[in-house]
Amino acid sequence: MGVAPELYTYPVDAETTAARAARANYLCRFRGPGEKCDQSQHRGARAFVSLRKYPSLRKVYGKAKIPLGLCSISPQEEPSEPWIVCPHRLFYIAAESTKIEQYVYRLWGLDKGDRVALWTEIKLQESRGGKDFDFTLDYVFRRVFSEGPLKLEDAPCLVEIMTASTSGGGVERCFVGALQGRLISTKTSINYRQVLARMMSQFVAKAQIAHDWGGKAVWIVHHSVWPRFKRQVSFGMDMSTMIGRRRGALASNLKIGGCRRPVQNCAD
């Protein structure tokens, strides 16, 4: 059966002050202090749970719906191995953030104190030579050389997050049962084939984009995904492989809107 190991970023059985506050106010500590859980960017309407069917929870929260605060799930075929299903559990940064995880910016070749400009969820659609490119880039960073006037490094750094997809349904029941302190049996499992197929196609396409722009692509995946992925490819990689490194100008037709405020890197 599928079970929920975490609720609103804390273990389901955690009774600390912080864990109680997170459950009461649907907080996500991975997004930042005081930040609400919000998976709407990648789950759409399924990022919320209607409480019409759960009067006891509606009485507790006083809301018609609450965020689906499910960070990971233990599928029926691997009950002892939680799989991360929310990308914010792996990595999250926004315009108001003031630092970047040091393992990420070190892979880029950035140094402590470097500043970068950030764009998120960049949609790219282009047809060229009979080929169609239609992908969304999770994060695009460019090093800031100066802020007045703003001058950026041409080569971008891409950060892509890959989480697990589920099959068999029961995700909402899993979450609600855990929130109510009940163990509910569901047929929820990990859709391994979809995860690997999605990762393979995006890995090749986005790595090529980073390569053509003279930048780098950093992929952040759950450790359970990686061994399965490596078995499907013939080229050697390790957990710190950097894809794409060639000098060149940023594509002139890249339309990514206005620059968000620079982010301070931190080595702490």
Protein backbone atom coordinates (compact mmCIF):
# COMPACT_ATOMS: atom_id res chain seq x y z
CA MET A 1 0.00 0.00 0.00
CA GLY A 2 1.08 3.59 -0.52
CA VAL A 3 1.74 5.62 2.61
CA ALA A 4 2.77 9.22 3.26
CA PRO A 5 6.09 9.52 5.13
CA GLU A 6 5.92 13.33 5.31
CA LEU A 7 3.27 16.01 5.73
CA TYR A 8 4.07 19.65 5.16
CA THR A 9 7.82 18.87 5.18
CA TYR A 10 7.92 16.96 8.50
CA PRO A 11 7.64 13.23 9.29
CA VAL A 12 4.02 12.22 9.84
CA ASP A 13 4.70 11.25 13.45
CA ALA A 14 6.66 14.41 14.32
CA GLU A 15 5.16 16.28 17.27
CA THR A 16 7.63 19.13 17.59
CA THR A 17 6.39 22.70 17.80
CA ALA A 18 7.59 23.36 14.25
CA ALA A 19 5.89 20.23 12.87
CA ARG A 20 2.59 21.07 14.56
CA ALA A 21 2.75 24.64 13.25
CA ALA A 22 3.47 23.38 9.72
CA ARG A 23 0.44 21.06 9.76
CA ALA A 24 -1.82 23.73 11.27
CA ASN A 25 -0.80 26.43 8.78
CA TYR A 26 0.18 24.22 5.79
CA LEU A 27 3.74 25.53 5.74
CA CYS A 28 6.69 24.42 3.62
CA ARG A 29 10.09 24.88 5.23
CA PHE A 30 11.80 24.00 1.96
CA ARG A 31 10.27 27.08 0.33
CA GLY A 32 11.40 29.23 3.24
CA PRO A 33 10.42 30.34 6.76
CA GLY A 34 6.71 31.07 6.97
CA GLU A 35 6.11 30.07 3.33
CA LYS A 36 2.91 28.19 2.49
CA CYS A 37 2.89 24.84 0.69
CA ASP A 38 2.20 25.48 -2.99
CA GLN A 39 2.52 22.79 -5.67
CA SER A 40 0.13 24.52 -8.08
CA GLN A 41 2.92 25.28 -10.55
CA HIS A 42 3.43 21.60 -11.34
CA ARG A 43 0.20 19.94 -10.13
CA GLY A 44 -2.40 22.53 -11.15
CA ALA A 45 -5.80 22.01 -9.53
CA ARG A 46 -4.57 18.75 -7.99
CA ALA A 47 -2.31 20.79 -5.73
CA PHE A 48 -5.30 21.35 -3.44
CA VAL A 49 -7.62 19.03 -1.56
CA SER A 50 -11.30 19.91 -1.25
CA LEU A 51 -12.49 19.39 2.33
CA ARG A 52 -16.14 18.95 1.38
CA LYS A 53 -15.72 15.19 1.75
CA TYR A 54 -13.80 15.56 5.01
CA PRO A 55 -15.96 17.53 7.48
CA SER A 56 -13.63 16.84 10.41
CA LEU A 57 -10.72 18.47 8.58
CA ARG A 58 -12.88 21.34 7.41
CA LYS A 59 -13.76 22.00 11.03
CA VAL A 60 -10.07 22.00 11.98
CA TYR A 61 -8.89 24.26 9.16
CA GLY A 62 -12.01 26.36 8.58
CA LYS A 63 -11.29 26.28 4.85
CA ALA A 64 -13.00 24.79 1.81
CA LYS A 65 -9.68 23.46 0.54
CA ILE A 66 -6.08 23.12 1.69
CA PRO A 67 -2.77 22.53 -0.13
CA LEU A 68 -1.82 18.92 -0.79
CA GLY A 69 1.20 18.89 1.50
CA LEU A 70 2.60 15.56 0.39
CA CYS A 71 6.39 15.76 -0.03
CA SER A 72 7.10 12.08 -0.59
CA ILE A 73 5.35 8.76 -0.76
CA SER A 74 6.28 5.17 0.04
CA PRO A 75 4.79 3.07 -2.79
CA GLN A 76 3.23 -0.33 -2.26
CA GLU A 77 6.08 -2.15 -4.02
CA GLU A 78 8.81 -0.43 -1.95
CA PRO A 79 7.25 0.51 1.41
CA SER A 80 10.63 1.13 3.01
CA GLU A 81 11.84 3.53 0.29
CA PRO A 82 10.12 6.95 0.20
CA TRP A 83 10.09 8.65 -3.20
CA ILE A 84 10.05 12.43 -3.46
CA VAL A 85 7.03 13.66 -5.40
CA CYS A 86 7.32 17.42 -4.82
CA PRO A 87 10.17 19.29 -6.57
CA HIS A 88 10.35 21.84 -3.74
CA ARG A 89 11.49 18.98 -1.51
CA LEU A 90 14.62 18.73 -3.67
CA PHE A 91 15.30 22.36 -4.55
CA TYR A 92 13.52 25.70 -4.45
CA ILE A 93 14.57 29.28 -4.96
CA ALA A 94 12.61 32.41 -5.86
CA ALA A 95 13.11 36.09 -6.56
CA GLU A 96 12.98 36.93 -2.86
CA SER A 97 15.57 34.26 -1.93
CA THR A 98 18.95 35.47 -0.76
CA LYS A 99 21.14 32.41 -1.20
CA ILE A 100 21.66 29.33 -3.33
CA GLU A 101 22.56 25.85 -2.13
CA GLN A 102 26.34 25.68 -2.23
CA TYR A 103 26.48 22.31 -4.03
CA VAL A 104 24.57 23.84 -6.94
CA TYR A 105 26.58 27.00 -7.49
CA ARG A 106 29.88 25.17 -7.01
CA LEU A 107 28.90 22.87 -9.89
CA TRP A 108 28.44 26.00 -11.98
CA GLY A 109 31.91 27.22 -11.17
CA LEU A 110 30.62 30.21 -9.20
CA ASP A 111 32.36 31.52 -6.11
CA LYS A 112 31.10 32.68 -2.73
CA GLY A 113 29.83 36.24 -3.07
CA ASP A 114 29.01 35.97 -6.80
CA ARG A 115 25.60 37.35 -7.67
CA VAL A 116 23.21 35.87 -10.20
CA ALA A 117 19.97 36.88 -11.93
CA LEU A 118 17.10 34.42 -11.82
CA TRP A 119 14.26 33.40 -14.12
CA THR A 120 11.84 30.57 -13.35
CA GLU A 121 9.55 28.34 -15.43
CA ILE A 122 10.78 29.59 -18.80
CA LYS A 123 8.69 28.27 -21.68
CA LEU A 124 10.61 27.75 -24.93
CA GLN A 125 8.87 26.83 -28.17
CA GLU A 126 10.70 26.79 -31.48
CA SER A 127 10.66 24.90 -34.76
CA ARG A 128 13.84 24.69 -36.78
CA GLY A 129 14.93 22.33 -39.53
CA GLY A 130 11.84 20.17 -39.12
CA LYS A 131 12.50 19.78 -35.40
CA ASP A 132 10.22 21.06 -32.64
CA PHE A 133 11.50 22.19 -29.26
CA ASP A 134 8.78 22.61 -26.66
CA PHE A 135 10.08 22.48 -23.10
CA THR A 136 9.94 24.47 -19.89
CA LEU A 137 13.17 25.29 -18.08
CA ASP A 138 12.77 25.14 -14.29
CA TYR A 139 15.43 27.70 -13.40
CA VAL A 140 17.71 29.88 -15.50
CA PHE A 141 20.57 31.74 -13.80
CA ARG A 142 23.11 34.16 -15.24
CA ARG A 143 26.06 35.65 -13.41
CA VAL A 144 25.74 39.37 -12.66
CA PHE A 145 28.84 41.36 -13.60
CA SER A 146 27.39 44.75 -12.63
CA GLU A 147 24.02 46.13 -11.52
CA GLY A 148 24.21 49.73 -12.69
CA PRO A 149 23.78 49.36 -15.58
CA LEU A 150 22.86 45.70 -15.40
CA LYS A 151 25.41 43.50 -17.18
CA LEU A 152 25.05 39.72 -17.26
CA GLU A 153 27.24 36.86 -18.38
CA ASP A 154 26.04 35.42 -21.70
CA ALA A 155 26.33 31.75 -20.70
CA PRO A 156 23.41 30.62 -18.53
CA CYS A 157 23.20 27.93 -15.87
CA LEU A 158 20.12 25.72 -16.01
CA VAL A 159 18.81 23.86 -12.97
CA GLU A 160 16.31 21.09 -13.63
CA ILE A 161 14.40 19.15 -10.97
CA MET A 162 13.17 15.60 -11.56
CA THR A 163 10.74 14.01 -9.11
CA ALA A 164 8.69 10.81 -9.24
CA SER A 165 5.31 10.40 -10.91
CA THR A 166 2.70 8.16 -9.33
CA SER A 167 0.20 5.68 -10.72
CA GLY A 168 -2.71 3.73 -9.29
CA GLY A 169 -4.39 6.75 -7.74
CA GLY A 170 -4.93 7.20 -4.02
CA VAL A 171 -2.55 10.15 -3.51
CA GLU A 172 -5.24 12.32 -1.93
CA ARG A 173 -6.46 9.46 0.29
CA CYS A 174 -2.86 8.84 1.37
CA PHE A 175 -2.46 12.47 2.36
CA VAL A 176 -5.81 12.83 4.13
CA GLY A 177 -5.36 9.57 6.02
CA ALA A 178 -1.96 10.65 7.30
CA LEU A 179 -3.34 14.07 8.25
CA GLN A 180 -6.06 12.36 10.27
CA GLY A 181 -3.58 9.98 11.87
CA ARG A 182 -5.00 6.96 10.05
CA LEU A 183 -3.21 4.42 7.87
CA ILE A 184 -5.19 4.06 4.65
CA SER A 185 -4.40 1.31 2.18
CA THR A 186 -4.06 2.56 -1.41
CA LYS A 187 -2.68 1.19 -4.66
CA THR A 188 -0.39 4.17 -5.13
CA SER A 189 2.89 3.24 -6.79
CA ILE A 190 5.70 4.94 -8.68
CA ASN A 191 5.35 5.15 -12.45
CA TYR A 192 8.97 4.23 -13.14
CA ARG A 193 8.56 4.01 -16.90
CA GLN A 194 7.11 7.52 -17.13
CA VAL A 195 9.77 8.95 -14.83
CA LEU A 196 12.58 7.49 -16.91
CA ALA A 197 11.00 8.37 -20.26
CA ARG A 198 10.36 11.95 -19.17
CA MET A 199 13.86 12.29 -17.77
CA MET A 200 15.55 10.82 -20.84
CA SER A 201 13.80 13.16 -23.29
CA GLN A 202 14.31 16.26 -21.16
CA PHE A 203 17.87 15.32 -20.28
CA VAL A 204 18.94 15.15 -23.90
CA ALA A 205 17.02 18.22 -25.11
CA LYS A 206 17.89 20.57 -22.26
CA ALA A 207 21.52 19.49 -22.08
CA GLN A 208 21.79 20.31 -25.78
CA ILE A 209 20.32 23.76 -25.17
CA ALA A 210 22.79 24.44 -22.36
CA HIS A 211 25.62 23.20 -24.58
CA ASP A 212 24.62 25.43 -27.50
CA TRP A 213 24.40 28.47 -25.22
CA GLY A 214 27.86 27.79 -23.80
CA GLY A 215 26.45 27.18 -20.32
CA LYS A 216 25.81 24.30 -17.94
CA ALA A 217 22.84 22.20 -16.90
CA VAL A 218 22.56 20.86 -13.36
CA TRP A 219 20.05 18.09 -12.72
CA ILE A 220 18.75 17.44 -9.22
CA VAL A 221 17.12 14.03 -8.79
CA HIS A 222 16.14 11.78 -5.94
CA HIS A 223 18.76 9.14 -5.21
CA SER A 224 16.24 6.34 -5.89
CA VAL A 225 15.75 7.57 -9.46
CA TRP A 226 19.42 7.69 -10.41
CA PRO A 227 20.32 3.95 -10.42
CA ARG A 228 17.34 3.19 -12.66
CA PHE A 229 18.28 6.02 -15.00
CA LYS A 230 21.89 4.87 -15.29
CA ARG A 231 20.74 1.39 -16.30
CA GLN A 232 18.90 2.92 -19.28
CA VAL A 233 21.81 4.87 -20.80
CA SER A 234 25.07 3.73 -22.33
CA PHE A 235 27.28 6.71 -21.46
CA GLY A 236 28.99 6.97 -18.11
CA MET A 237 27.81 9.47 -15.53
CA ASP A 238 28.18 10.00 -11.83
CA MET A 239 26.18 12.09 -9.39
CA SER A 240 28.16 15.23 -10.16
CA THR A 241 28.22 15.06 -13.97
CA MET A 242 28.01 18.45 -15.63
CA ILE A 243 26.34 18.51 -19.02
CA GLY A 244 27.34 20.95 -21.75
CA ARG A 245 30.41 23.18 -21.69
CA ARG A 246 31.24 25.21 -24.78
CA ARG A 247 31.94 28.87 -25.30
CA GLY A 248 29.30 30.77 -27.22
CA ALA A 249 26.74 33.53 -27.04
CA LEU A 250 23.31 33.19 -25.52
CA ALA A 251 20.73 32.56 -28.23
CA SER A 252 19.43 35.93 -29.38
CA ASN A 253 15.85 34.70 -29.63
CA LEU A 254 15.66 33.60 -25.99
CA LYS A 255 12.70 35.49 -24.55
CA ILE A 256 12.74 35.22 -20.78
CA GLY A 257 11.21 38.49 -19.69
CA GLY A 258 12.56 40.95 -17.17
CA CYS A 259 15.37 40.22 -14.80
CA ARG A 260 14.48 39.34 -11.23
CA ARG A 261 16.63 40.88 -8.54
CA PRO A 262 20.07 39.27 -8.15
CA VAL A 263 20.54 36.51 -5.61
CA GLN A 264 23.41 36.43 -3.14
CA ASN A 265 25.31 33.15 -3.10
CA CYS A 266 26.32 31.80 0.28
CA ALA A 267 28.77 29.05 1.22
CA ASP A 268 27.33 28.43 4.70
